[in-house]
Amino acid sequence: MTPQRDARGRRLLAVRGLLAALLAIVTLGAAATLTGCASFSDTVPGCGDPLRLAIVAQSVPNASYLPCLRDLQEGWAATGFNPTQDGTSFLLNSDRSPRQPVTVRLTATCKISRASPSPARAPGVLTYTRLDSISPRFVGTLYDVFPGGCVTYTFDFALGSQIALMEQFEQAVGLYPRQQLRLVLKQELGVEPNP
């Protein structure tokens, strides 16, 4: 077999694998919608859900990390999963801060102004916090900055509960390494996403 044919064969297998993965995503979404159990577009990806994380990865193709849910404590809910070609966003709602969700947004870049360095949330990530108000409410933005992307978390909490609520949402949202997602997709589905 010539090197050209061998290369074409590998490309064909990669395309077939990608098509199989896309078919699986569409099938899962259709099944959830048809059964009425969940809406595909509203389910925020968990850190152990490589198919849904692949959707997030495509929204910011060079981001070295992807936001995902690790574990929501009682009283918290995640809604509004919205992947677009310019990034992905979702909301975290707490029953201790009604009508004031934390907005989590992945973008290719972000402007950090008036923010102070905070402890890094993952290796290779620079984390910053900007407080806009501490009275009468605790309002601000947390930033996770990394090669190819940025995750912003805008929050607005009542005073008195802000420390616990900050800790809870920071624990709830993980940063999943893109390189790890690539390995999982290759091992489990035989798909090599680009880039």
Protein backbone atom coordinates (compact mmCIF):
# COMPACT_ATOMS: atom_id res chain seq x y z
CA MET A 1 0.00 0.00 0.00
CA THR A 2 1.36 3.42 -0.89
CA PRO A 3 1.84 6.14 1.73
CA GLN A 4 -0.82 8.23 -0.04
CA ARG A 5 -3.43 5.48 0.22
CA ASP A 6 -2.52 4.84 3.84
CA ALA A 7 -2.94 8.55 4.68
CA ARG A 8 -6.29 8.67 2.83
CA GLY A 9 -7.44 5.62 4.76
CA ARG A 10 -6.58 7.26 8.10
CA ARG A 11 -8.42 10.45 7.08
CA LEU A 12 -11.46 8.42 6.05
CA LEU A 13 -11.48 6.63 9.42
CA ALA A 14 -11.19 9.97 11.25
CA VAL A 15 -14.11 11.41 9.27
CA ARG A 16 -16.21 8.31 9.95
CA GLY A 17 -15.43 8.56 13.66
CA LEU A 18 -16.39 12.22 13.73
CA LEU A 19 -19.64 11.47 11.94
CA ALA A 20 -20.37 8.70 14.45
CA ALA A 21 -19.77 11.10 17.34
CA LEU A 22 -21.99 13.76 15.79
CA LEU A 23 -24.70 11.17 15.20
CA ALA A 24 -24.46 10.12 18.84
CA ILE A 25 -24.82 13.74 19.99
CA VAL A 26 -27.86 14.33 17.78
CA THR A 27 -29.41 11.03 18.86
CA LEU A 28 -28.93 11.80 22.55
CA GLY A 29 -30.40 15.26 22.10
CA ALA A 30 -33.40 13.98 20.18
CA ALA A 31 -34.03 11.20 22.69
CA ALA A 32 -33.93 13.59 25.64
CA THR A 33 -36.26 16.05 23.92
CA LEU A 34 -38.71 13.40 22.74
CA THR A 35 -38.96 11.75 26.13
CA GLY A 36 -39.53 15.08 27.82
CA CYS A 37 -36.94 14.24 30.47
CA ALA A 38 -34.58 17.06 29.56
CA SER A 39 -33.86 19.62 26.94
CA PHE A 40 -30.58 18.96 25.13
CA SER A 41 -29.82 22.68 24.90
CA ASP A 42 -30.39 23.26 28.64
CA THR A 43 -28.17 20.54 30.07
CA VAL A 44 -24.88 22.00 31.25
CA PRO A 45 -22.04 19.53 30.60
CA GLY A 46 -20.55 17.68 33.52
CA CYS A 47 -16.80 17.18 33.74
CA GLY A 48 -17.31 13.49 32.93
CA ASP A 49 -19.37 14.08 29.77
CA PRO A 50 -16.95 14.15 26.80
CA LEU A 51 -19.65 14.49 24.11
CA ARG A 52 -21.12 17.64 25.63
CA LEU A 53 -17.65 18.97 26.45
CA ALA A 54 -16.81 18.56 22.75
CA ILE A 55 -19.60 21.03 21.99
CA VAL A 56 -18.06 23.53 24.41
CA ALA A 57 -14.63 22.90 22.87
CA GLN A 58 -15.91 23.80 19.40
CA SER A 59 -17.28 27.15 20.63
CA VAL A 60 -13.74 28.39 21.44
CA PRO A 61 -11.43 26.14 19.36
CA ASN A 62 -8.13 27.27 20.94
CA ALA A 63 -9.16 27.31 24.62
CA SER A 64 -6.85 25.08 26.64
CA TYR A 65 -9.54 24.62 29.32
CA LEU A 66 -13.32 24.14 29.21
CA PRO A 67 -15.78 24.98 32.01
CA CYS A 68 -17.87 22.07 33.26
CA LEU A 69 -19.88 21.05 36.32
CA ARG A 70 -18.09 18.98 38.92
CA ASP A 71 -20.79 18.78 41.58
CA LEU A 72 -23.63 21.09 42.55
CA GLN A 73 -24.41 21.30 46.23
CA GLU A 74 -27.98 21.13 47.44
CA GLY A 75 -29.83 24.36 46.68
CA TRP A 76 -27.97 25.02 43.40
CA ALA A 77 -29.21 24.46 39.84
CA ALA A 78 -27.52 24.91 36.45
CA THR A 79 -29.55 26.22 33.51
CA GLY A 80 -29.29 28.10 30.24
CA PHE A 81 -26.55 26.12 28.50
CA ASN A 82 -25.85 28.23 25.40
CA PRO A 83 -22.99 27.20 23.09
CA THR A 84 -22.43 29.54 20.12
CA GLN A 85 -19.64 30.16 17.62
CA ASP A 86 -18.34 32.92 19.92
CA GLY A 87 -18.27 30.97 23.17
CA THR A 88 -20.43 29.14 25.67
CA SER A 89 -22.39 30.36 28.67
CA PHE A 90 -24.61 28.94 31.38
CA LEU A 91 -26.17 30.05 34.67
CA LEU A 92 -25.83 28.79 38.23
CA ASN A 93 -28.76 29.58 40.52
CA SER A 94 -28.77 29.28 44.29
CA ASP A 95 -31.87 29.21 46.47
CA ARG A 96 -29.89 31.41 48.89
CA SER A 97 -29.59 34.13 46.24
CA PRO A 98 -32.83 33.96 44.23
CA ARG A 99 -33.06 35.80 40.90
CA GLN A 100 -29.32 36.56 40.98
CA PRO A 101 -27.62 33.77 39.03
CA VAL A 102 -23.90 33.39 38.55
CA THR A 103 -23.23 33.74 34.81
CA VAL A 104 -20.41 31.48 33.60
CA ARG A 105 -19.03 32.42 30.17
CA LEU A 106 -16.21 30.92 28.10
CA THR A 107 -14.75 33.26 25.45
CA ALA A 108 -11.54 33.46 23.44
CA THR A 109 -10.41 36.61 25.27
CA CYS A 110 -11.53 38.82 28.13
CA LYS A 111 -10.66 42.25 29.42
CA ILE A 112 -9.49 42.26 32.98
CA SER A 113 -9.65 45.66 34.59
CA ARG A 114 -9.43 46.56 38.25
CA ALA A 115 -8.99 42.88 39.15
CA SER A 116 -6.66 41.44 41.76
CA PRO A 117 -4.77 38.17 41.45
CA SER A 118 -6.37 35.20 43.25
CA PRO A 119 -5.20 31.63 43.83
CA ALA A 120 -5.06 29.73 40.51
CA ARG A 121 -7.90 27.26 39.97
CA ALA A 122 -5.88 24.92 37.70
CA PRO A 123 -2.30 24.51 36.46
CA GLY A 124 -1.43 27.13 33.83
CA VAL A 125 -4.44 29.29 34.74
CA LEU A 126 -4.24 32.85 36.03
CA THR A 127 -7.20 33.69 38.28
CA TYR A 128 -8.34 37.22 39.14
CA THR A 129 -11.19 38.71 41.15
CA ARG A 130 -12.81 42.10 40.63
CA LEU A 131 -15.25 43.45 43.21
CA ASP A 132 -17.66 46.08 41.90
CA SER A 133 -19.60 46.51 45.12
CA ILE A 134 -19.51 45.17 48.65
CA SER A 135 -22.52 47.13 49.93
CA PRO A 136 -25.47 46.67 49.85
CA ARG A 137 -24.60 43.52 47.83
CA PHE A 138 -21.44 41.56 47.06
CA VAL A 139 -21.07 42.05 43.28
CA GLY A 140 -18.16 41.28 40.98
CA THR A 141 -16.44 38.99 38.51
CA LEU A 142 -14.02 36.09 38.82
CA TYR A 143 -11.73 35.45 35.83
CA ASP A 144 -9.86 32.29 34.84
CA VAL A 145 -7.39 33.17 32.06
CA PHE A 146 -5.44 30.54 30.12
CA PRO A 147 -3.93 30.05 26.65
CA GLY A 148 -6.63 30.50 24.00
CA GLY A 149 -9.46 31.41 26.33
CA CYS A 150 -11.01 32.91 29.41
CA VAL A 151 -13.87 31.95 31.71
CA THR A 152 -15.69 34.76 33.50
CA TYR A 153 -18.05 34.26 36.43
CA THR A 154 -20.23 37.28 37.23
CA PHE A 155 -21.86 37.12 40.65
CA ASP A 156 -24.27 39.18 42.77
CA PHE A 157 -24.86 37.89 46.32
CA ALA A 158 -26.53 39.22 49.45
CA LEU A 159 -24.12 40.18 52.20
CA GLY A 160 -23.80 37.55 54.88
CA SER A 161 -24.04 34.61 52.50
CA GLN A 162 -21.38 35.68 49.99
CA ILE A 163 -18.44 33.69 51.39
CA ALA A 164 -20.28 30.35 51.35
CA LEU A 165 -21.86 31.06 47.95
CA MET A 166 -18.50 32.00 46.40
CA GLU A 167 -16.91 28.79 47.70
CA GLN A 168 -19.84 26.69 46.48
CA PHE A 169 -19.89 28.00 42.91
CA GLU A 170 -16.10 27.82 42.63
CA GLN A 171 -16.23 24.18 43.73
CA ALA A 172 -19.14 23.45 41.37
CA VAL A 173 -17.41 24.63 38.18
CA GLY A 174 -14.31 22.78 37.08
CA LEU A 175 -11.84 23.55 34.31
CA TYR A 176 -11.42 20.50 32.06
CA PRO A 177 -8.15 20.39 30.06
CA ARG A 178 -8.69 20.29 26.28
CA GLN A 179 -5.76 17.87 25.90
CA GLN A 180 -7.48 15.43 28.24
CA LEU A 181 -10.72 15.74 26.25
CA ARG A 182 -8.82 14.96 23.04
CA LEU A 183 -7.41 11.78 24.62
CA VAL A 184 -10.80 10.67 25.95
CA LEU A 185 -12.54 11.25 22.61
CA LYS A 186 -9.82 9.33 20.81
CA GLN A 187 -9.85 6.41 23.23
CA GLU A 188 -13.63 6.12 23.67
CA LEU A 189 -14.91 7.12 20.23
CA GLY A 190 -11.91 6.93 17.96
CA VAL A 191 -12.38 10.63 17.14
CA GLU A 192 -9.55 13.14 16.87
CA PRO A 193 -11.08 16.63 17.10
CA ASN A 194 -9.33 19.56 15.49
CA PRO A 195 -7.59 21.61 16.65
